[in-house]
Amino acid sequence: MSDHKASSTAGNSEVTAENPPKLNTFYDIINNLQKSLDEIVYTNKKSDEEMRSRIAAMEKRLKELEK
C-alpha cells in the first residue's frame, strides 16, 4: 500500500512546509529556460540574417530588371 502512495505522490510538486523546494531543481529550471532563450535568440538572429539577405537579393534583381 505504501508503494502505491509513494508512486502516486512522486509526481506531486506541491511545495509545503513538509516538502520544501529543492534548490537544484530551481537551478535546473532556470538553466533550461536560459538554454531555450539562447536557442530562440540564435534562431531569430539567423532568420533575420536570412531575410535581410533575401531582401537584398530581391532589391538587386529588381534594379537589374528596371535597367
N, C-alpha and C. Protein backbone atom coordinates (compact mmCIF):
# COMPACT_ATOMS: atom_id res chain seq x y z
N MET A 1 0.83 -1.19 0.00
CA MET A 1 0.00 0.00 0.00
C MET A 1 0.87 1.26 0.00
N SER A 2 1.95 1.25 0.78
CA SER A 2 2.80 2.43 0.82
C SER A 2 3.51 2.64 -0.52
N ASP A 3 3.78 1.55 -1.25
CA ASP A 3 4.39 1.69 -2.58
C ASP A 3 3.47 2.45 -3.51
N HIS A 4 2.18 2.14 -3.44
CA HIS A 4 1.21 2.83 -4.30
C HIS A 4 1.17 4.32 -3.96
N LYS A 5 1.16 4.63 -2.68
CA LYS A 5 1.11 6.04 -2.27
C LYS A 5 2.39 6.76 -2.71
N ALA A 6 3.51 6.11 -2.57
CA ALA A 6 4.77 6.73 -2.95
C ALA A 6 4.79 7.01 -4.45
N SER A 7 4.30 6.07 -5.24
CA SER A 7 4.33 6.29 -6.68
C SER A 7 3.30 7.33 -7.09
N SER A 8 2.18 7.40 -6.39
CA SER A 8 1.16 8.37 -6.78
C SER A 8 1.54 9.78 -6.36
N THR A 9 2.37 9.92 -5.35
CA THR A 9 2.78 11.26 -4.91
C THR A 9 4.16 11.64 -5.45
N ALA A 10 4.79 10.72 -6.17
CA ALA A 10 6.13 11.01 -6.68
C ALA A 10 6.12 12.20 -7.64
N GLY A 11 5.06 12.34 -8.41
CA GLY A 11 4.97 13.45 -9.35
C GLY A 11 4.37 14.69 -8.74
N ASN A 12 4.03 14.64 -7.46
CA ASN A 12 3.41 15.79 -6.80
C ASN A 12 4.47 16.85 -6.55
N SER A 13 4.28 18.02 -7.13
CA SER A 13 5.29 19.08 -7.00
C SER A 13 4.82 20.19 -6.07
N GLU A 14 3.78 19.94 -5.31
CA GLU A 14 3.27 20.96 -4.40
C GLU A 14 4.30 21.25 -3.32
N VAL A 15 4.57 22.51 -3.11
CA VAL A 15 5.55 22.91 -2.11
C VAL A 15 4.83 23.19 -0.80
N THR A 16 5.24 22.50 0.23
CA THR A 16 4.65 22.70 1.57
C THR A 16 5.79 22.76 2.57
N ALA A 17 5.44 22.99 3.82
CA ALA A 17 6.47 23.01 4.87
C ALA A 17 7.13 21.64 4.97
N GLU A 18 6.36 20.58 4.73
CA GLU A 18 6.91 19.23 4.79
C GLU A 18 7.68 18.88 3.50
N ASN A 19 7.38 19.59 2.44
CA ASN A 19 8.00 19.32 1.14
C ASN A 19 8.58 20.61 0.57
N PRO A 20 9.69 21.10 1.14
CA PRO A 20 10.26 22.37 0.67
C PRO A 20 10.84 22.21 -0.74
N PRO A 21 10.94 23.30 -1.48
CA PRO A 21 11.50 23.21 -2.83
C PRO A 21 12.98 22.85 -2.78
N LYS A 22 13.43 22.15 -3.78
CA LYS A 22 14.84 21.78 -3.87
C LYS A 22 15.54 22.84 -4.71
N LEU A 23 16.61 23.41 -4.18
CA LEU A 23 17.31 24.47 -4.89
C LEU A 23 17.85 24.01 -6.24
N ASN A 24 18.40 22.81 -6.28
CA ASN A 24 18.96 22.36 -7.56
C ASN A 24 17.87 22.22 -8.61
N THR A 25 16.64 21.95 -8.19
CA THR A 25 15.53 21.89 -9.15
C THR A 25 15.30 23.27 -9.74
N PHE A 26 15.31 24.30 -8.90
CA PHE A 26 15.15 25.67 -9.39
C PHE A 26 16.28 26.04 -10.35
N TYR A 27 17.51 25.68 -9.99
CA TYR A 27 18.64 25.97 -10.85
C TYR A 27 18.51 25.25 -12.19
N ASP A 28 18.06 23.99 -12.15
CA ASP A 28 17.86 23.24 -13.39
C ASP A 28 16.82 23.92 -14.26
N ILE A 29 15.73 24.36 -13.65
CA ILE A 29 14.67 25.04 -14.40
C ILE A 29 15.21 26.32 -15.02
N ILE A 30 15.93 27.11 -14.23
CA ILE A 30 16.49 28.37 -14.74
C ILE A 30 17.48 28.10 -15.86
N ASN A 31 18.33 27.10 -15.69
CA ASN A 31 19.31 26.77 -16.74
C ASN A 31 18.62 26.31 -18.01
N ASN A 32 17.57 25.50 -17.88
CA ASN A 32 16.84 25.04 -19.06
C ASN A 32 16.15 26.21 -19.75
N LEU A 33 15.58 27.12 -18.98
CA LEU A 33 14.95 28.30 -19.57
C LEU A 33 15.98 29.16 -20.30
N GLN A 34 17.16 29.32 -19.69
CA GLN A 34 18.21 30.11 -20.33
C GLN A 34 18.65 29.48 -21.64
N LYS A 35 18.80 28.15 -21.64
CA LYS A 35 19.18 27.46 -22.88
C LYS A 35 18.12 27.66 -23.95
N SER A 36 16.85 27.56 -23.55
CA SER A 36 15.76 27.74 -24.51
C SER A 36 15.77 29.16 -25.07
N LEU A 37 15.97 30.14 -24.19
CA LEU A 37 16.02 31.53 -24.65
C LEU A 37 17.20 31.76 -25.59
N ASP A 38 18.34 31.18 -25.27
CA ASP A 38 19.51 31.31 -26.14
C ASP A 38 19.24 30.72 -27.52
N GLU A 39 18.55 29.57 -27.55
CA GLU A 39 18.21 28.95 -28.84
C GLU A 39 17.25 29.83 -29.62
N ILE A 40 16.27 30.42 -28.94
CA ILE A 40 15.30 31.29 -29.61
C ILE A 40 16.00 32.52 -30.19
N VAL A 41 16.87 33.13 -29.40
CA VAL A 41 17.60 34.32 -29.86
C VAL A 41 18.47 33.96 -31.06
N TYR A 42 19.17 32.84 -30.99
CA TYR A 42 20.02 32.41 -32.10
C TYR A 42 19.19 32.18 -33.36
N THR A 43 18.06 31.48 -33.20
CA THR A 43 17.18 31.20 -34.34
C THR A 43 16.64 32.48 -34.94
N ASN A 44 16.23 33.42 -34.08
CA ASN A 44 15.70 34.69 -34.58
C ASN A 44 16.76 35.49 -35.32
N LYS A 45 17.99 35.51 -34.79
CA LYS A 45 19.08 36.23 -35.46
C LYS A 45 19.37 35.60 -36.81
N LYS A 46 19.38 34.27 -36.85
CA LYS A 46 19.67 33.58 -38.10
C LYS A 46 18.56 33.85 -39.11
N SER A 47 17.31 33.80 -38.67
CA SER A 47 16.18 34.08 -39.56
C SER A 47 16.25 35.51 -40.07
N ASP A 48 16.61 36.44 -39.19
CA ASP A 48 16.73 37.85 -39.56
C ASP A 48 17.80 38.03 -40.63
N GLU A 49 18.94 37.38 -40.43
CA GLU A 49 20.03 37.47 -41.41
C GLU A 49 19.60 36.89 -42.75
N GLU A 50 18.90 35.76 -42.72
CA GLU A 50 18.44 35.15 -43.96
C GLU A 50 17.45 36.06 -44.68
N MET A 51 16.53 36.66 -43.93
CA MET A 51 15.55 37.58 -44.53
C MET A 51 16.24 38.79 -45.14
N ARG A 52 17.19 39.37 -44.42
CA ARG A 52 17.91 40.53 -44.95
C ARG A 52 18.65 40.15 -46.24
N SER A 53 19.22 38.97 -46.27
CA SER A 53 19.93 38.51 -47.46
C SER A 53 18.97 38.34 -48.63
N ARG A 54 17.81 37.75 -48.37
CA ARG A 54 16.80 37.57 -49.43
C ARG A 54 16.29 38.91 -49.95
N ILE A 55 16.04 39.83 -49.03
CA ILE A 55 15.56 41.16 -49.44
C ILE A 55 16.60 41.86 -50.30
N ALA A 56 17.87 41.78 -49.88
CA ALA A 56 18.95 42.40 -50.65
C ALA A 56 19.03 41.79 -52.05
N ALA A 57 18.88 40.47 -52.13
CA ALA A 57 18.92 39.80 -53.44
C ALA A 57 17.74 40.24 -54.30
N MET A 58 16.56 40.37 -53.70
CA MET A 58 15.38 40.81 -54.45
C MET A 58 15.54 42.25 -54.93
N GLU A 59 16.09 43.12 -54.06
CA GLU A 59 16.31 44.51 -54.45
C GLU A 59 17.32 44.60 -55.60
N LYS A 60 18.36 43.78 -55.52
CA LYS A 60 19.36 43.76 -56.59
C LYS A 60 18.72 43.30 -57.90
N ARG A 61 17.92 42.25 -57.82
CA ARG A 61 17.25 41.74 -59.02
C ARG A 61 16.27 42.77 -59.58
N LEU A 62 15.56 43.47 -58.72
CA LEU A 62 14.62 44.50 -59.15
C LEU A 62 15.34 45.62 -59.89
N LYS A 63 16.50 46.04 -59.36
CA LYS A 63 17.29 47.09 -60.02
C LYS A 63 17.76 46.62 -61.39
N GLU A 64 18.14 45.34 -61.49
CA GLU A 64 18.57 44.80 -62.78
C GLU A 64 17.41 44.80 -63.77
N LEU A 65 16.22 44.47 -63.31
CA LEU A 65 15.05 44.44 -64.19
C LEU A 65 14.62 45.84 -64.62
N GLU A 66 14.87 46.83 -63.77
CA GLU A 66 14.48 48.21 -64.09
C GLU A 66 15.38 48.80 -65.17
N LYS A 67 16.56 48.27 -65.36
CA LYS A 67 17.52 48.82 -66.34
C LYS A 67 17.09 48.57 -67.76
